[in-house]
PDB file of N, CA and C in Angstrom:
ATOM      1  N   MET A   1       8.665   1.577   3.251  1.00  0.00           N
ATOM      2  CA  MET A   1       9.171   0.733   2.178  1.00  0.00           C
ATOM      3  C   MET A   1      10.691   0.649   2.318  1.00  0.00           C
ATOM      4  N   ALA A   2      11.232  -0.486   2.293  1.00  0.00           N
ATOM      5  CA  ALA A   2      12.655  -0.661   2.461  1.00  0.00           C
ATOM      6  C   ALA A   2      13.408  -0.184   1.231  1.00  0.00           C
ATOM      7  N   LYS A   3      14.649   0.236   1.468  1.00  0.00           N
ATOM      8  CA  LYS A   3      15.469   0.705   0.366  1.00  0.00           C
ATOM      9  C   LYS A   3      15.724  -0.429  -0.611  1.00  0.00           C
ATOM     10  N   GLY A   4      15.612  -0.130  -1.905  1.00  0.00           N
ATOM     11  CA  GLY A   4      15.846  -1.142  -2.914  1.00  0.00           C
ATOM     12  C   GLY A   4      14.576  -1.799  -3.404  1.00  0.00           C
ATOM     13  N   LYS A   5      13.457  -1.549  -2.742  1.00  0.00           N
ATOM     14  CA  LYS A   5      12.192  -2.128  -3.179  1.00  0.00           C
ATOM     15  C   LYS A   5      11.384  -1.066  -3.897  1.00  0.00           C
ATOM     16  N   GLY A   6      10.507  -1.489  -4.774  1.00  0.00           N
ATOM     17  CA  GLY A   6       9.659  -0.550  -5.498  1.00  0.00           C
ATOM     18  C   GLY A   6      10.316  -0.067  -6.777  1.00  0.00           C
ATOM     19  N   ARG A   7       9.643   0.780  -7.471  1.00  0.00           N
ATOM     20  CA  ARG A   7      10.132   1.308  -8.737  1.00  0.00           C
ATOM     21  C   ARG A   7       9.987   2.814  -8.770  1.00  0.00           C
ATOM     22  N   THR A   8      10.891   3.471  -9.446  1.00  0.00           N
ATOM     23  CA  THR A   8      10.795   4.904  -9.653  1.00  0.00           C
ATOM     24  C   THR A   8      10.485   5.156 -11.111  1.00  0.00           C
ATOM     25  N   LYS A   9      10.332   6.413 -11.486  1.00  0.00           N
ATOM     26  CA  LYS A   9      10.030   6.758 -12.872  1.00  0.00           C
ATOM     27  C   LYS A   9      11.078   6.210 -13.837  1.00  0.00           C
ATOM     28  N   ALA A  10      12.320   6.243 -13.428  1.00  0.00           N
ATOM     29  CA  ALA A  10      13.390   5.792 -14.299  1.00  0.00           C
ATOM     30  C   ALA A  10      13.436   4.275 -14.419  1.00  0.00           C
ATOM     31  N   GLY A  11      12.649   3.560 -13.611  1.00  0.00           N
ATOM     32  CA  GLY A  11      12.608   2.105 -13.701  1.00  0.00           C
ATOM     33  C   GLY A  11      13.669   1.422 -12.863  1.00  0.00           C
ATOM     34  N   ARG A  12      14.425   2.210 -12.117  1.00  0.00           N
ATOM     35  CA  ARG A  12      15.431   1.623 -11.232  1.00  0.00           C
ATOM     36  C   ARG A  12      14.747   0.984 -10.042  1.00  0.00           C
ATOM     37  N   GLY A  13      15.426   0.094  -9.365  1.00  0.00           N
ATOM     38  CA  GLY A  13      14.880  -0.554  -8.196  1.00  0.00           C
ATOM     39  C   GLY A  13      15.080   0.265  -6.936  1.00  0.00           C
ATOM     40  N   GLU A  14      15.749   1.404  -7.015  1.00  0.00           N
ATOM     41  CA  GLU A  14      16.065   2.215  -5.854  1.00  0.00           C
ATOM     42  C   GLU A  14      14.960   3.233  -5.581  1.00  0.00           C
ATOM     43  N   VAL A  15      14.537   3.321  -4.333  1.00  0.00           N
ATOM     44  CA  VAL A  15      13.516   4.276  -3.927  1.00  0.00           C
ATOM     45  C   VAL A  15      14.217   5.454  -3.265  1.00  0.00           C
ATOM     46  N   ARG A  16      13.864   6.661  -3.681  1.00  0.00           N
ATOM     47  CA  ARG A  16      14.475   7.861  -3.125  1.00  0.00           C
ATOM     48  C   ARG A  16      13.401   8.783  -2.571  1.00  0.00           C
ATOM     49  N   CYS A  17      13.748   9.561  -1.562  1.00  0.00           N
ATOM     50  CA  CYS A  17      12.796  10.525  -0.989  1.00  0.00           C
ATOM     51  C   CYS A  17      12.318  11.517  -2.043  1.00  0.00           C
ATOM     52  N   GLU A  18      13.164  11.845  -2.993  1.00  0.00           N
ATOM     53  CA  GLU A  18      12.801  12.807  -4.039  1.00  0.00           C
ATOM     54  C   GLU A  18      11.669  12.295  -4.925  1.00  0.00           C
ATOM     55  N   ASP A  19      11.434  10.995  -4.936  1.00  0.00           N
ATOM     56  CA  ASP A  19      10.369  10.398  -5.743  1.00  0.00           C
ATOM     57  C   ASP A  19       9.063  10.260  -4.969  1.00  0.00           C
ATOM     58  N   CYS A  20       9.040  10.718  -3.736  1.00  0.00           N
ATOM     59  CA  CYS A  20       7.872  10.568  -2.873  1.00  0.00           C
ATOM     60  C   CYS A  20       6.856  11.686  -3.120  1.00  0.00           C
ATOM     61  N   PHE A  21       5.573  11.323  -3.069  1.00  0.00           N
ATOM     62  CA  PHE A  21       4.485  12.277  -3.236  1.00  0.00           C
ATOM     63  C   PHE A  21       4.602  13.414  -2.227  1.00  0.00           C
ATOM     64  N   PHE A  22       4.868  13.089  -0.975  1.00  0.00           N
ATOM     65  CA  PHE A  22       4.932  14.097   0.077  1.00  0.00           C
ATOM     66  C   PHE A  22       6.105  15.050  -0.132  1.00  0.00           C
ATOM     67  N   HIS A  23       7.243  14.522  -0.547  1.00  0.00           N
ATOM     68  CA  HIS A  23       8.417  15.369  -0.794  1.00  0.00           C
ATOM     69  C   HIS A  23       8.171  16.319  -1.964  1.00  0.00           C
ATOM     70  N   GLN A  24       7.629  15.820  -3.053  1.00  0.00           N
ATOM     71  CA  GLN A  24       7.416  16.639  -4.246  1.00  0.00           C
ATOM     72  C   GLN A  24       6.345  17.707  -4.052  1.00  0.00           C
ATOM     73  N   ASN A  25       5.419  17.473  -3.124  1.00  0.00           N
ATOM     74  CA  ASN A  25       4.367  18.459  -2.857  1.00  0.00           C
ATOM     75  C   ASN A  25       4.661  19.273  -1.591  1.00  0.00           C
ATOM     76  N   MET A  26       5.895  19.229  -1.143  1.00  0.00           N
ATOM     77  CA  MET A  26       6.378  19.957   0.026  1.00  0.00           C
ATOM     78  C   MET A  26       5.524  19.699   1.273  1.00  0.00           C
ATOM     79  N   LEU A  27       5.138  18.442   1.470  1.00  0.00           N
ATOM     80  CA  LEU A  27       4.345  18.046   2.626  1.00  0.00           C
ATOM     81  C   LEU A  27       5.161  17.253   3.640  1.00  0.00           C
ATOM     82  N   CYS A  28       6.425  17.017   3.337  1.00  0.00           N
ATOM     83  CA  CYS A  28       7.281  16.209   4.212  1.00  0.00           C
ATOM     84  C   CYS A  28       8.125  17.125   5.099  1.00  0.00           C
ATOM     85  N   ALA A  29       8.155  16.821   6.399  1.00  0.00           N
ATOM     86  CA  ALA A  29       8.946  17.600   7.342  1.00  0.00           C
ATOM     87  C   ALA A  29      10.125  16.796   7.886  1.00  0.00           C
ATOM     88  N   LEU A  30      10.346  15.605   7.324  1.00  0.00           N
ATOM     89  CA  LEU A  30      11.410  14.737   7.808  1.00  0.00           C
ATOM     90  C   LEU A  30      12.704  14.976   7.047  1.00  0.00           C
ATOM     91  N   GLU A  31      13.813  14.822   7.747  1.00  0.00           N
ATOM     92  CA  GLU A  31      15.132  14.910   7.108  1.00  0.00           C
ATOM     93  C   GLU A  31      15.861  13.609   7.400  1.00  0.00           C
ATOM     94  N   LEU A  32      15.581  12.602   6.580  1.00  0.00           N
ATOM     95  CA  LEU A  32      16.157  11.278   6.760  1.00  0.00           C
ATOM     96  C   LEU A  32      17.109  10.946   5.614  1.00  0.00           C
ATOM     97  N   ASP A  33      17.971   9.953   5.845  1.00  0.00           N
ATOM     98  CA  ASP A  33      18.910   9.519   4.812  1.00  0.00           C
ATOM     99  C   ASP A  33      18.276   8.544   3.828  1.00  0.00           C
ATOM    100  N   GLU A  34      17.158   7.959   4.196  1.00  0.00           N
ATOM    101  CA  GLU A  34      16.475   7.000   3.326  1.00  0.00           C
ATOM    102  C   GLU A  34      14.975   7.223   3.426  1.00  0.00           C
ATOM    103  N   PRO A  35      14.206   6.699   2.483  1.00  0.00           N
ATOM    104  CA  PRO A  35      12.751   6.894   2.505  1.00  0.00           C
ATOM    105  C   PRO A  35      12.135   6.342   3.792  1.00  0.00           C
ATOM    106  N   CYS A  36      11.101   7.024   4.262  1.00  0.00           N
ATOM    107  CA  CYS A  36      10.423   6.594   5.485  1.00  0.00           C
ATOM    108  C   CYS A  36       9.330   5.580   5.157  1.00  0.00           C
ATOM    109  N   THR A  37       8.641   5.125   6.162  1.00  0.00           N
ATOM    110  CA  THR A  37       7.603   4.109   5.974  1.00  0.00           C
ATOM    111  C   THR A  37       6.351   4.657   5.311  1.00  0.00           C
ATOM    112  N   THR A  38       6.199   5.977   5.240  1.00  0.00           N
ATOM    113  CA  THR A  38       5.024   6.572   4.592  1.00  0.00           C
ATOM    114  C   THR A  38       5.280   6.902   3.129  1.00  0.00           C
ATOM    115  N   PHE A  39       6.356   6.401   2.540  1.00  0.00           N
ATOM    116  CA  PHE A  39       6.692   6.680   1.148  1.00  0.00           C
ATOM    117  C   PHE A  39       5.540   6.302   0.219  1.00  0.00           C
ATOM    118  N   ARG A  40       5.178   7.221  -0.671  1.00  0.00           N
ATOM    119  CA  ARG A  40       4.168   6.979  -1.708  1.00  0.00           C
ATOM    120  C   ARG A  40       4.748   7.479  -3.027  1.00  0.00           C
ATOM    121  N   PRO A  41       4.790   6.649  -4.056  1.00  0.00           N
ATOM    122  CA  PRO A  41       5.326   7.104  -5.344  1.00  0.00           C
ATOM    123  C   PRO A  41       4.537   8.303  -5.853  1.00  0.00           C
ATOM    124  N   ALA A  42       5.221   9.351  -6.261  1.00  0.00           N
ATOM    125  CA  ALA A  42       4.571  10.591  -6.700  1.00  0.00           C
ATOM    126  C   ALA A  42       3.729  10.378  -7.943  1.00  0.00           C
ATOM    127  N   GLU A  43       4.161   9.527  -8.859  1.00  0.00           N
ATOM    128  CA  GLU A  43       3.404   9.338 -10.103  1.00  0.00           C
ATOM    129  C   GLU A  43       2.067   8.642  -9.864  1.00  0.00           C
ATOM    130  N   ARG A  44       1.919   7.960  -8.732  1.00  0.00           N
ATOM    131  CA  ARG A  44       0.677   7.266  -8.420  1.00  0.00           C
ATOM    132  C   ARG A  44      -0.250   8.124  -7.554  1.00  0.00           C
ATOM    133  N   GLY A  45       0.267   9.200  -6.993  1.00  0.00           N
ATOM    134  CA  GLY A  45      -0.533  10.031  -6.105  1.00  0.00           C
ATOM    135  C   GLY A  45      -0.739   9.331  -4.781  1.00  0.00           C
ATOM    136  N   LEU A  46      -1.886   9.534  -4.179  1.00  0.00           N
ATOM    137  CA  LEU A  46      -2.168   8.913  -2.885  1.00  0.00           C
ATOM    138  C   LEU A  46      -3.077   7.699  -2.999  1.00  0.00           C
ATOM    139  N   VAL A  47      -3.134   7.098  -4.165  1.00  0.00           N
ATOM    140  CA  VAL A  47      -3.940   5.894  -4.357  1.00  0.00           C
ATOM    141  C   VAL A  47      -3.324   4.771  -3.528  1.00  0.00           C
ATOM    142  N   PRO A  48      -4.114   4.135  -2.655  1.00  0.00           N
ATOM    143  CA  PRO A  48      -3.548   3.071  -1.810  1.00  0.00           C
ATOM    144  C   PRO A  48      -3.230   1.812  -2.609  1.00  0.00           C
ATOM    145  N   GLU A  49      -2.377   0.990  -2.026  1.00  0.00           N
ATOM    146  CA  GLU A  49      -2.051  -0.297  -2.638  1.00  0.00           C
ATOM    147  C   GLU A  49      -3.318  -1.137  -2.737  1.00  0.00           C
ATOM    148  N   ARG A  50      -3.404  -1.956  -3.737  1.00  0.00           N
ATOM    149  CA  ARG A  50      -4.552  -2.829  -3.904  1.00  0.00           C
ATOM    150  C   ARG A  50      -4.500  -3.935  -2.853  1.00  0.00           C
ATOM    151  N   GLN A  51      -5.620  -4.204  -2.227  1.00  0.00           N
ATOM    152  CA  GLN A  51      -5.670  -5.218  -1.184  1.00  0.00           C
ATOM    153  C   GLN A  51      -6.388  -6.465  -1.679  1.00  0.00           C
ATOM    154  N   LEU A  52      -6.078  -7.572  -1.039  1.00  0.00           N
ATOM    155  CA  LEU A  52      -6.723  -8.827  -1.387  1.00  0.00           C
ATOM    156  C   LEU A  52      -8.192  -8.796  -0.972  1.00  0.00           C
ATOM    157  N   ALA A  53      -9.037  -9.430  -1.742  1.00  0.00           N
ATOM    158  CA  ALA A  53     -10.459  -9.513  -1.419  1.00  0.00           C
ATOM    159  C   ALA A  53     -10.704 -10.733  -0.535  1.00  0.00           C
ATOM    160  N   PHE A  54     -11.593 -10.586   0.428  1.00  0.00           N
ATOM    161  CA  PHE A  54     -11.940 -11.694   1.304  1.00  0.00           C
ATOM    162  C   PHE A  54     -13.114 -12.441   0.683  1.00  0.00           C
ATOM    163  N   VAL A  55     -12.928 -13.723   0.398  1.00  0.00           N
ATOM    164  CA  VAL A  55     -13.959 -14.520  -0.257  1.00  0.00           C
ATOM    165  C   VAL A  55     -14.222 -15.767   0.584  1.00  0.00           C
ATOM    166  N   PHE A  56     -15.510 -16.028   0.878  1.00  0.00           N
ATOM    167  CA  PHE A  56     -15.859 -17.248   1.604  1.00  0.00           C
ATOM    168  C   PHE A  56     -15.763 -18.442   0.670  1.00  0.00           C
ATOM    169  N   ARG A  57     -15.211 -19.516   1.178  1.00  0.00           N
ATOM    170  CA  ARG A  57     -15.173 -20.734   0.393  1.00  0.00           C
ATOM    171  C   ARG A  57     -16.505 -21.449   0.545  1.00  0.00           C
ATOM    172  N   ALA A  58     -16.973 -22.105  -0.493  1.00  0.00           N
ATOM    173  CA  ALA A  58     -18.282 -22.753  -0.501  1.00  0.00           C
ATOM    174  C   ALA A  58     -18.409 -23.809   0.586  1.00  0.00           C
ATOM    175  N   ASP A  59     -17.361 -24.567   0.860  1.00  0.00           N
ATOM    176  CA  ASP A  59     -17.464 -25.629   1.851  1.00  0.00           C
ATOM    177  C   ASP A  59     -17.591 -25.087   3.272  1.00  0.00           C
ATOM    178  N   ARG A  60     -17.238 -23.848   3.511  1.00  0.00           N
ATOM    179  CA  ARG A  60     -17.343 -23.282   4.851  1.00  0.00           C
ATOM    180  C   ARG A  60     -18.636 -22.507   5.061  1.00  0.00           C
ATOM    181  N   ILE A  61     -19.355 -22.208   4.033  1.00  0.00           N
ATOM    182  CA  ILE A  61     -20.592 -21.458   4.181  1.00  0.00           C
ATOM    183  C   ILE A  61     -21.622 -22.272   4.952  1.00  0.00           C
ATOM    184  N   ARG A  62     -21.631 -23.580   4.761  1.00  0.00           N
ATOM    185  CA  ARG A  62     -22.627 -24.438   5.410  1.00  0.00           C
ATOM    186  C   ARG A  62     -22.110 -25.077   6.692  1.00  0.00           C
ATOM    187  N   ALA A  63     -20.914 -24.780   7.074  1.00  0.00           N
ATOM    188  CA  ALA A  63     -20.339 -25.381   8.275  1.00  0.00           C
ATOM    189  C   ALA A  63     -20.990 -24.808   9.529  1.00  0.00           C
ATOM    190  N   ALA A  64     -20.863 -25.519  10.641  1.00  0.00           N
ATOM    191  CA  ALA A  64     -21.481 -25.116  11.901  1.00  0.00           C
ATOM    192  C   ALA A  64     -20.922 -23.789  12.415  1.00  0.00           C
ATOM    193  N   TYR A  65     -19.692 -23.482  12.087  1.00  0.00           N
ATOM    194  CA  TYR A  65     -19.073 -22.256  12.590  1.00  0.00           C
ATOM    195  C   TYR A  65     -19.221 -21.092  11.614  1.00  0.00           C
ATOM    196  N   ALA A  66     -19.979 -21.254  10.546  1.00  0.00           N
ATOM    197  CA  ALA A  66     -20.184 -20.162   9.585  1.00  0.00           C
ATOM    198  C   ALA A  66     -21.097 -19.109  10.205  1.00  0.00           C
ATOM    199  N   PHE A  67     -21.062 -17.929   9.669  1.00  0.00           N
ATOM    200  CA  PHE A  67     -21.882 -16.850  10.179  1.00  0.00           C
ATOM    201  C   PHE A  67     -23.374 -17.155   9.933  1.00  0.00           C
ATOM    202  N   PRO A  68     -24.231 -16.804  10.857  1.00  0.00           N
ATOM    203  CA  PRO A  68     -25.662 -17.049  10.660  1.00  0.00           C
ATOM    204  C   PRO A  68     -26.215 -16.125   9.567  1.00  0.00           C
ATOM    205  N   ALA A  69     -27.309 -16.552   8.952  1.00  0.00           N
ATOM    206  CA  ALA A  69     -27.948 -15.756   7.910  1.00  0.00           C
ATOM    207  C   ALA A  69     -28.546 -14.507   8.551  1.00  0.00           C
ATOM    208  N   PRO A  70     -28.498 -13.369   7.882  1.00  0.00           N
ATOM    209  CA  PRO A  70     -29.067 -12.139   8.455  1.00  0.00           C
ATOM    210  C   PRO A  70     -30.576 -12.265   8.610  1.00  0.00           C
ATOM    211  N   GLN A  71     -31.075 -11.708   9.682  1.00  0.00           N
ATOM    212  CA  GLN A  71     -32.518 -11.723   9.946  1.00  0.00           C
ATOM    213  C   GLN A  71     -33.040 -10.312   9.748  1.00  0.00           C
ATOM    214  N   GLY A  72     -34.016 -10.166   8.955  1.00  0.00           N
ATOM    215  CA  GLY A  72     -34.406  -8.805   8.788  1.00  0.00           C
ATOM    216  C   GLY A  72     -35.684  -8.586   8.202  1.00  0.00           C
TER     217      GLY A  72
END
């Protein structure tokens, strides 16, 4: 996560290593000046970011290149 993105407990826009789940649980072995790419907010735990759901559009379900119906 780039510096300046995200939120901390105080509501500031600055991300600090001290606010990271790994740092607070003494699981981090890195000594960097800024948060690394594995930064996870401590208040959220290790819950992953929510991902977009993949949804087929109705007009493509019947198209020639659509996936075949399962046989079983």
